[in-house]
All heavy atoms as atom14 arrays in JSON, in Angstrom:
{
  "sequence": "QVQLTESGGGLVQPGGSLRVSCEASGFSTLDHYAIGWF",
  "atom14_mask": [
    [1, 1, 1, 1, 1, 1, 1, 1, 1, 0, 0, 0, 0, 0],
    [1, 1, 1, 1, 1, 1, 1, 0, 0, 0, 0, 0, 0, 0],
    [1, 1, 1, 1, 1, 1, 1, 1, 1, 0, 0, 0, 0, 0],
    [1, 1, 1, 1, 1, 1, 1, 1, 0, 0, 0, 0, 0, 0],
    [1, 1, 1, 1, 1, 1, 1, 0, 0, 0, 0, 0, 0, 0],
    [1, 1, 1, 1, 1, 1, 1, 1, 1, 0, 0, 0, 0, 0],
    [1, 1, 1, 1, 1, 1, 0, 0, 0, 0, 0, 0, 0, 0],
    [1, 1, 1, 1, 0, 0, 0, 0, 0, 0, 0, 0, 0, 0],
    [1, 1, 1, 1, 0, 0, 0, 0, 0, 0, 0, 0, 0, 0],
    [1, 1, 1, 1, 0, 0, 0, 0, 0, 0, 0, 0, 0, 0],
    [1, 1, 1, 1, 1, 1, 1, 1, 0, 0, 0, 0, 0, 0],
    [1, 1, 1, 1, 1, 1, 1, 0, 0, 0, 0, 0, 0, 0],
    [1, 1, 1, 1, 1, 1, 1, 1, 1, 0, 0, 0, 0, 0],
    [1, 1, 1, 1, 1, 1, 1, 0, 0, 0, 0, 0, 0, 0],
    [1, 1, 1, 1, 0, 0, 0, 0, 0, 0, 0, 0, 0, 0],
    [1, 1, 1, 1, 0, 0, 0, 0, 0, 0, 0, 0, 0, 0],
    [1, 1, 1, 1, 1, 1, 0, 0, 0, 0, 0, 0, 0, 0],
    [1, 1, 1, 1, 1, 1, 1, 1, 0, 0, 0, 0, 0, 0],
    [1, 1, 1, 1, 1, 1, 1, 1, 1, 1, 1, 0, 0, 0],
    [1, 1, 1, 1, 1, 1, 1, 0, 0, 0, 0, 0, 0, 0],
    [1, 1, 1, 1, 1, 1, 0, 0, 0, 0, 0, 0, 0, 0],
    [1, 1, 1, 1, 1, 1, 0, 0, 0, 0, 0, 0, 0, 0],
    [1, 1, 1, 1, 1, 1, 1, 1, 1, 0, 0, 0, 0, 0],
    [1, 1, 1, 1, 1, 0, 0, 0, 0, 0, 0, 0, 0, 0],
    [1, 1, 1, 1, 1, 1, 0, 0, 0, 0, 0, 0, 0, 0],
    [1, 1, 1, 1, 0, 0, 0, 0, 0, 0, 0, 0, 0, 0],
    [1, 1, 1, 1, 1, 1, 1, 1, 1, 1, 1, 0, 0, 0],
    [1, 1, 1, 1, 1, 1, 0, 0, 0, 0, 0, 0, 0, 0],
    [1, 1, 1, 1, 1, 1, 1, 0, 0, 0, 0, 0, 0, 0],
    [1, 1, 1, 1, 1, 1, 1, 1, 0, 0, 0, 0, 0, 0],
    [1, 1, 1, 1, 1, 1, 1, 1, 0, 0, 0, 0, 0, 0],
    [1, 1, 1, 1, 1, 1, 1, 1, 1, 1, 0, 0, 0, 0],
    [1, 1, 1, 1, 1, 1, 1, 1, 1, 1, 1, 1, 0, 0],
    [1, 1, 1, 1, 1, 0, 0, 0, 0, 0, 0, 0, 0, 0],
    [1, 1, 1, 1, 1, 1, 1, 1, 0, 0, 0, 0, 0, 0],
    [1, 1, 1, 1, 0, 0, 0, 0, 0, 0, 0, 0, 0, 0],
    [1, 1, 1, 1, 1, 1, 1, 1, 1, 1, 1, 1, 1, 1],
    [1, 1, 1, 1, 1, 1, 1, 1, 1, 1, 1, 0, 0, 0]
  ],
  "atom14_positions": [
    [[0.82, -1.17, 0.01], [-0.01, 0.03, -0.02], [0.82, 1.27, 0.0], [0.38, 2.34, -0.44], [-0.97, -0.01, 1.23], [-1.84, -1.2, 1.27], [-1.17, -2.37, 2.07], [0.03, -2.39, 2.18], [-1.98, -3.29, 2.42], [0.0, 0.0, 0.0], [0.0, 0.0, 0.0], [0.0, 0.0, 0.0], [0.0, 0.0, 0.0], [0.0, 0.0, 0.0]],
    [[2.1, 1.12, 0.46], [2.95, 2.32, 0.47], [3.36, 2.8, -0.91], [3.53, 1.95, -1.83], [4.24, 1.99, 1.3], [5.05, 0.95, 0.59], [5.09, 3.27, 1.48], [0.0, 0.0, 0.0], [0.0, 0.0, 0.0], [0.0, 0.0, 0.0], [0.0, 0.0, 0.0], [0.0, 0.0, 0.0], [0.0, 0.0, 0.0], [0.0, 0.0, 0.0]],
    [[3.32, 4.09, -1.07], [3.67, 4.67, -2.36], [4.89, 5.57, -2.15], [4.99, 6.34, -1.12], [2.57, 5.51, -3.03], [1.46, 4.6, -3.53], [0.48, 5.43, -4.36], [-0.01, 6.43, -3.95], [0.22, 4.97, -5.6], [0.0, 0.0, 0.0], [0.0, 0.0, 0.0], [0.0, 0.0, 0.0], [0.0, 0.0, 0.0], [0.0, 0.0, 0.0]],
    [[5.85, 5.56, -3.03], [7.07, 6.35, -2.93], [7.07, 7.41, -4.05], [6.85, 7.01, -5.26], [8.26, 5.43, -3.14], [8.38, 4.3, -2.1], [9.6, 3.34, -2.41], [8.5, 4.9, -0.64], [0.0, 0.0, 0.0], [0.0, 0.0, 0.0], [0.0, 0.0, 0.0], [0.0, 0.0, 0.0], [0.0, 0.0, 0.0], [0.0, 0.0, 0.0]],
    [[7.27, 8.64, -3.7], [7.22, 9.71, -4.59], [8.57, 10.53, -4.57], [8.75, 11.19, -3.48], [6.05, 10.65, -4.38], [4.84, 9.83, -4.52], [5.95, 11.73, -5.44], [0.0, 0.0, 0.0], [0.0, 0.0, 0.0], [0.0, 0.0, 0.0], [0.0, 0.0, 0.0], [0.0, 0.0, 0.0], [0.0, 0.0, 0.0], [0.0, 0.0, 0.0]],
    [[9.36, 10.57, -5.53], [10.59, 11.25, -5.55], [10.41, 12.62, -6.24], [9.54, 12.67, -7.22], [11.7, 10.51, -6.29], [12.1, 9.14, -5.67], [11.31, 7.95, -6.29], [10.3, 8.26, -7.02], [11.71, 6.83, -6.07], [0.0, 0.0, 0.0], [0.0, 0.0, 0.0], [0.0, 0.0, 0.0], [0.0, 0.0, 0.0], [0.0, 0.0, 0.0]],
    [[11.06, 13.62, -5.89], [10.98, 14.92, -6.54], [12.22, 15.74, -6.34], [13.05, 15.4, -5.48], [9.73, 15.74, -5.94], [9.88, 15.97, -4.63], [0.0, 0.0, 0.0], [0.0, 0.0, 0.0], [0.0, 0.0, 0.0], [0.0, 0.0, 0.0], [0.0, 0.0, 0.0], [0.0, 0.0, 0.0], [0.0, 0.0, 0.0], [0.0, 0.0, 0.0]],
    [[12.32, 16.84, -7.03], [13.51, 17.71, -6.85], [14.52, 17.59, -7.79], [15.58, 18.42, -7.77], [0.0, 0.0, 0.0], [0.0, 0.0, 0.0], [0.0, 0.0, 0.0], [0.0, 0.0, 0.0], [0.0, 0.0, 0.0], [0.0, 0.0, 0.0], [0.0, 0.0, 0.0], [0.0, 0.0, 0.0], [0.0, 0.0, 0.0], [0.0, 0.0, 0.0]],
    [[14.53, 16.63, -8.71], [15.63, 16.52, -9.67], [15.59, 17.65, -10.65], [14.71, 18.46, -10.75], [0.0, 0.0, 0.0], [0.0, 0.0, 0.0], [0.0, 0.0, 0.0], [0.0, 0.0, 0.0], [0.0, 0.0, 0.0], [0.0, 0.0, 0.0], [0.0, 0.0, 0.0], [0.0, 0.0, 0.0], [0.0, 0.0, 0.0], [0.0, 0.0, 0.0]],
    [[16.74, 17.79, -11.45], [16.82, 18.84, -12.41], [18.16, 18.97, -12.97], [19.04, 18.06, -12.86], [0.0, 0.0, 0.0], [0.0, 0.0, 0.0], [0.0, 0.0, 0.0], [0.0, 0.0, 0.0], [0.0, 0.0, 0.0], [0.0, 0.0, 0.0], [0.0, 0.0, 0.0], [0.0, 0.0, 0.0], [0.0, 0.0, 0.0], [0.0, 0.0, 0.0]],
    [[18.48, 20.09, -13.59], [19.79, 20.35, -14.21], [20.68, 21.13, -13.31], [20.25, 22.23, -12.85], [19.5, 21.15, -15.59], [20.75, 21.54, -16.27], [21.53, 20.38, -16.78], [20.28, 22.48, -17.49], [0.0, 0.0, 0.0], [0.0, 0.0, 0.0], [0.0, 0.0, 0.0], [0.0, 0.0, 0.0], [0.0, 0.0, 0.0], [0.0, 0.0, 0.0]],
    [[21.94, 20.7, -13.14], [22.88, 21.38, -12.27], [24.27, 21.41, -13.03], [24.53, 20.5, -13.72], [23.06, 20.6, -10.99], [23.86, 21.45, -9.92], [21.71, 20.29, -10.37], [0.0, 0.0, 0.0], [0.0, 0.0, 0.0], [0.0, 0.0, 0.0], [0.0, 0.0, 0.0], [0.0, 0.0, 0.0], [0.0, 0.0, 0.0], [0.0, 0.0, 0.0]],
    [[24.98, 22.48, -12.86], [26.27, 22.6, -13.33], [27.22, 21.71, -12.53], [27.04, 21.46, -11.32], [26.8, 24.04, -13.33], [26.01, 24.88, -14.32], [26.54, 26.28, -14.36], [27.48, 26.62, -13.55], [26.06, 27.19, -15.18], [0.0, 0.0, 0.0], [0.0, 0.0, 0.0], [0.0, 0.0, 0.0], [0.0, 0.0, 0.0], [0.0, 0.0, 0.0]],
    [[28.3, 21.2, -13.17], [29.34, 20.46, -12.28], [29.86, 21.37, -11.17], [30.08, 22.52, -11.36], [30.49, 20.21, -13.33], [29.76, 20.23, -14.68], [28.7, 21.29, -14.59], [0.0, 0.0, 0.0], [0.0, 0.0, 0.0], [0.0, 0.0, 0.0], [0.0, 0.0, 0.0], [0.0, 0.0, 0.0], [0.0, 0.0, 0.0], [0.0, 0.0, 0.0]],
    [[29.96, 20.68, -10.03], [30.32, 21.41, -8.8], [29.12, 22.04, -8.02], [29.38, 22.58, -6.91], [0.0, 0.0, 0.0], [0.0, 0.0, 0.0], [0.0, 0.0, 0.0], [0.0, 0.0, 0.0], [0.0, 0.0, 0.0], [0.0, 0.0, 0.0], [0.0, 0.0, 0.0], [0.0, 0.0, 0.0], [0.0, 0.0, 0.0], [0.0, 0.0, 0.0]],
    [[28.03, 22.04, -8.62], [26.79, 22.64, -7.99], [26.18, 21.64, -7.01], [26.62, 20.58, -6.7], [0.0, 0.0, 0.0], [0.0, 0.0, 0.0], [0.0, 0.0, 0.0], [0.0, 0.0, 0.0], [0.0, 0.0, 0.0], [0.0, 0.0, 0.0], [0.0, 0.0, 0.0], [0.0, 0.0, 0.0], [0.0, 0.0, 0.0], [0.0, 0.0, 0.0]],
    [[25.0, 22.14, -6.49], [24.31, 21.38, -5.42], [22.89, 21.21, -5.83], [22.29, 21.97, -6.62], [24.44, 22.16, -4.15], [25.68, 22.28, -3.7], [0.0, 0.0, 0.0], [0.0, 0.0, 0.0], [0.0, 0.0, 0.0], [0.0, 0.0, 0.0], [0.0, 0.0, 0.0], [0.0, 0.0, 0.0], [0.0, 0.0, 0.0], [0.0, 0.0, 0.0]],
    [[22.26, 20.1, -5.35], [20.83, 19.9, -5.6], [20.28, 19.04, -4.43], [20.97, 18.22, -3.85], [20.71, 19.14, -6.94], [19.3, 19.03, -7.48], [18.7, 20.34, -7.91], [19.23, 18.05, -8.63], [0.0, 0.0, 0.0], [0.0, 0.0, 0.0], [0.0, 0.0, 0.0], [0.0, 0.0, 0.0], [0.0, 0.0, 0.0], [0.0, 0.0, 0.0]],
    [[18.96, 19.18, -4.17], [18.31, 18.36, -3.15], [17.19, 17.64, -3.8], [16.3, 18.26, -4.42], [17.8, 19.32, -2.03], [16.97, 18.63, -0.99], [16.52, 19.55, 0.13], [15.72, 20.71, -0.35], [14.49, 20.7, -0.6], [13.78, 19.58, -0.29], [13.87, 21.8, -0.95], [0.0, 0.0, 0.0], [0.0, 0.0, 0.0], [0.0, 0.0, 0.0]],
    [[17.11, 16.42, -3.58], [15.99, 15.57, -4.0], [15.29, 15.01, -2.7], [15.84, 14.86, -1.68], [16.46, 14.39, -4.88], [16.98, 14.92, -6.23], [17.43, 13.45, -4.2], [0.0, 0.0, 0.0], [0.0, 0.0, 0.0], [0.0, 0.0, 0.0], [0.0, 0.0, 0.0], [0.0, 0.0, 0.0], [0.0, 0.0, 0.0], [0.0, 0.0, 0.0]],
    [[13.96, 14.87, -2.88], [13.11, 14.57, -1.7], [12.37, 13.26, -2.09], [12.07, 12.96, -3.23], [12.24, 15.59, -1.4], [12.9, 16.8, -0.98], [0.0, 0.0, 0.0], [0.0, 0.0, 0.0], [0.0, 0.0, 0.0], [0.0, 0.0, 0.0], [0.0, 0.0, 0.0], [0.0, 0.0, 0.0], [0.0, 0.0, 0.0], [0.0, 0.0, 0.0]],
    [[11.94, 12.54, -1.0], [11.15, 11.32, -1.06], [10.02, 11.4, -0.06], [10.25, 11.65, 1.12], [12.0, 10.09, -0.83], [11.02, 8.58, -0.85], [0.0, 0.0, 0.0], [0.0, 0.0, 0.0], [0.0, 0.0, 0.0], [0.0, 0.0, 0.0], [0.0, 0.0, 0.0], [0.0, 0.0, 0.0], [0.0, 0.0, 0.0], [0.0, 0.0, 0.0]],
    [[8.8, 11.14, -0.46], [7.67, 11.09, 0.45], [7.1, 9.76, 0.3], [6.78, 9.22, -0.78], [6.61, 12.13, 0.15], [5.44, 12.04, 1.11], [4.54, 13.19, 1.09], [4.9, 14.23, 0.44], [3.51, 13.12, 1.74], [0.0, 0.0, 0.0], [0.0, 0.0, 0.0], [0.0, 0.0, 0.0], [0.0, 0.0, 0.0], [0.0, 0.0, 0.0]],
    [[7.01, 9.0, 1.48], [6.49, 7.68, 1.55], [5.05, 7.83, 2.15], [4.95, 8.26, 3.3], [7.35, 6.74, 2.31], [0.0, 0.0, 0.0], [0.0, 0.0, 0.0], [0.0, 0.0, 0.0], [0.0, 0.0, 0.0], [0.0, 0.0, 0.0], [0.0, 0.0, 0.0], [0.0, 0.0, 0.0], [0.0, 0.0, 0.0], [0.0, 0.0, 0.0]],
    [[3.99, 7.45, 1.43], [2.74, 7.52, 1.89], [2.05, 6.16, 1.94], [2.52, 5.17, 1.42], [1.79, 8.42, 1.0], [1.82, 7.94, -0.36], [0.0, 0.0, 0.0], [0.0, 0.0, 0.0], [0.0, 0.0, 0.0], [0.0, 0.0, 0.0], [0.0, 0.0, 0.0], [0.0, 0.0, 0.0], [0.0, 0.0, 0.0], [0.0, 0.0, 0.0]],
    [[0.96, 6.11, 2.75], [0.25, 4.9, 2.89], [0.66, 4.01, 4.04], [0.49, 2.9, 4.0], [0.0, 0.0, 0.0], [0.0, 0.0, 0.0], [0.0, 0.0, 0.0], [0.0, 0.0, 0.0], [0.0, 0.0, 0.0], [0.0, 0.0, 0.0], [0.0, 0.0, 0.0], [0.0, 0.0, 0.0], [0.0, 0.0, 0.0], [0.0, 0.0, 0.0]],
    [[1.23, 4.67, 5.08], [1.72, 3.91, 6.27], [1.45, 4.8, 7.48], [1.15, 6.03, 7.35], [3.22, 3.55, 6.13], [4.06, 4.77, 6.02], [4.65, 5.3, 7.11], [4.42, 5.42, 4.79], [5.36, 6.56, 7.04], [5.17, 6.49, 4.65], [5.68, 7.06, 5.85], [0.0, 0.0, 0.0], [0.0, 0.0, 0.0], [0.0, 0.0, 0.0]],
    [[1.58, 4.17, 8.63], [1.31, 4.95, 9.87], [2.51, 5.58, 10.5], [2.49, 6.62, 10.99], [0.64, 4.04, 10.9], [1.49, 2.91, 11.23], [0.0, 0.0, 0.0], [0.0, 0.0, 0.0], [0.0, 0.0, 0.0], [0.0, 0.0, 0.0], [0.0, 0.0, 0.0], [0.0, 0.0, 0.0], [0.0, 0.0, 0.0], [0.0, 0.0, 0.0]],
    [[3.68, 4.81, 10.49], [4.91, 5.39, 11.06], [6.16, 4.64, 10.38], [6.02, 3.52, 9.94], [4.9, 5.14, 12.52], [6.17, 5.58, 13.09], [4.8, 3.59, 12.9], [0.0, 0.0, 0.0], [0.0, 0.0, 0.0], [0.0, 0.0, 0.0], [0.0, 0.0, 0.0], [0.0, 0.0, 0.0], [0.0, 0.0, 0.0], [0.0, 0.0, 0.0]],
    [[7.2, 5.41, 10.4], [8.43, 4.84, 9.86], [9.41, 4.6, 10.96], [10.65, 4.42, 10.72], [9.05, 5.83, 8.78], [8.47, 5.92, 7.49], [9.1, 6.93, 6.65], [8.43, 4.54, 6.78], [0.0, 0.0, 0.0], [0.0, 0.0, 0.0], [0.0, 0.0, 0.0], [0.0, 0.0, 0.0], [0.0, 0.0, 0.0], [0.0, 0.0, 0.0]],
    [[8.99, 4.47, 12.22], [9.89, 4.3, 13.35], [10.85, 3.08, 13.22], [11.93, 3.15, 13.73], [9.13, 4.29, 14.63], [8.53, 5.59, 15.09], [8.93, 6.64, 14.36], [7.83, 5.59, 15.99], [0.0, 0.0, 0.0], [0.0, 0.0, 0.0], [0.0, 0.0, 0.0], [0.0, 0.0, 0.0], [0.0, 0.0, 0.0], [0.0, 0.0, 0.0]],
    [[10.37, 2.07, 12.65], [11.16, 0.81, 12.55], [11.72, 0.6, 11.14], [12.12, -0.6, 10.81], [10.32, -0.36, 12.91], [9.68, -0.23, 14.22], [10.41, -0.24, 15.4], [8.42, -0.05, 14.69], [9.63, -0.1, 16.47], [8.37, 0.01, 16.04], [0.0, 0.0, 0.0], [0.0, 0.0, 0.0], [0.0, 0.0, 0.0], [0.0, 0.0, 0.0]],
    [[11.85, 1.62, 10.34], [12.13, 1.5, 8.91], [13.62, 2.04, 8.62], [14.11, 2.83, 9.52], [11.17, 2.17, 8.0], [9.93, 1.47, 7.86], [8.97, 1.36, 8.81], [9.6, 0.91, 6.63], [7.8, 0.68, 8.66], [8.43, 0.17, 6.42], [7.49, 0.09, 7.45], [6.33, -0.57, 7.24], [0.0, 0.0, 0.0], [0.0, 0.0, 0.0]],
    [[14.12, 1.73, 7.52], [15.23, 2.33, 7.0], [14.88, 2.85, 5.6], [14.03, 2.24, 4.88], [16.5, 1.33, 6.81], [0.0, 0.0, 0.0], [0.0, 0.0, 0.0], [0.0, 0.0, 0.0], [0.0, 0.0, 0.0], [0.0, 0.0, 0.0], [0.0, 0.0, 0.0], [0.0, 0.0, 0.0], [0.0, 0.0, 0.0], [0.0, 0.0, 0.0]],
    [[15.51, 3.98, 5.24], [15.16, 4.61, 3.96], [16.54, 4.84, 3.21], [17.53, 5.07, 3.83], [14.48, 5.93, 4.09], [14.09, 6.51, 2.7], [15.31, 6.9, 4.83], [13.09, 7.65, 2.68], [0.0, 0.0, 0.0], [0.0, 0.0, 0.0], [0.0, 0.0, 0.0], [0.0, 0.0, 0.0], [0.0, 0.0, 0.0], [0.0, 0.0, 0.0]],
    [[16.48, 4.68, 1.89], [17.66, 4.76, 1.15], [17.45, 5.39, -0.26], [16.27, 5.32, -0.72], [0.0, 0.0, 0.0], [0.0, 0.0, 0.0], [0.0, 0.0, 0.0], [0.0, 0.0, 0.0], [0.0, 0.0, 0.0], [0.0, 0.0, 0.0], [0.0, 0.0, 0.0], [0.0, 0.0, 0.0], [0.0, 0.0, 0.0], [0.0, 0.0, 0.0]],
    [[18.49, 5.84, -0.86], [18.48, 6.35, -2.18], [19.35, 5.45, -3.06], [20.5, 5.09, -2.68], [19.03, 7.77, -2.16], [18.09, 8.79, -1.57], [18.05, 9.29, -0.35], [17.04, 9.47, -2.29], [17.15, 10.2, -0.22], [16.47, 10.31, -1.39], [16.58, 9.44, -3.58], [15.29, 11.14, -1.73], [15.5, 10.23, -3.96], [14.94, 11.07, -3.07]],
    [[18.76, 5.11, -4.1], [19.42, 4.18, -5.14], [19.47, 4.97, -6.47], [18.71, 5.89, -6.77], [18.61, 2.93, -5.37], [18.82, 1.85, -4.3], [18.41, 2.22, -3.03], [19.33, 0.58, -4.58], [18.61, 1.27, -2.0], [19.36, -0.34, -3.63], [19.1, -0.1, -2.28], [0.0, 0.0, 0.0], [0.0, 0.0, 0.0], [0.0, 0.0, 0.0]]
  ]
}
């Protein structure tokens, strides 16, 4: 039931910075979870 939604990607120059985000919906708590970026 959980859905994963990534956002924030885009175009960056070499040496620059960017932030990407993940929202996990369809659950009650993430207290016992691990989250990762692949």
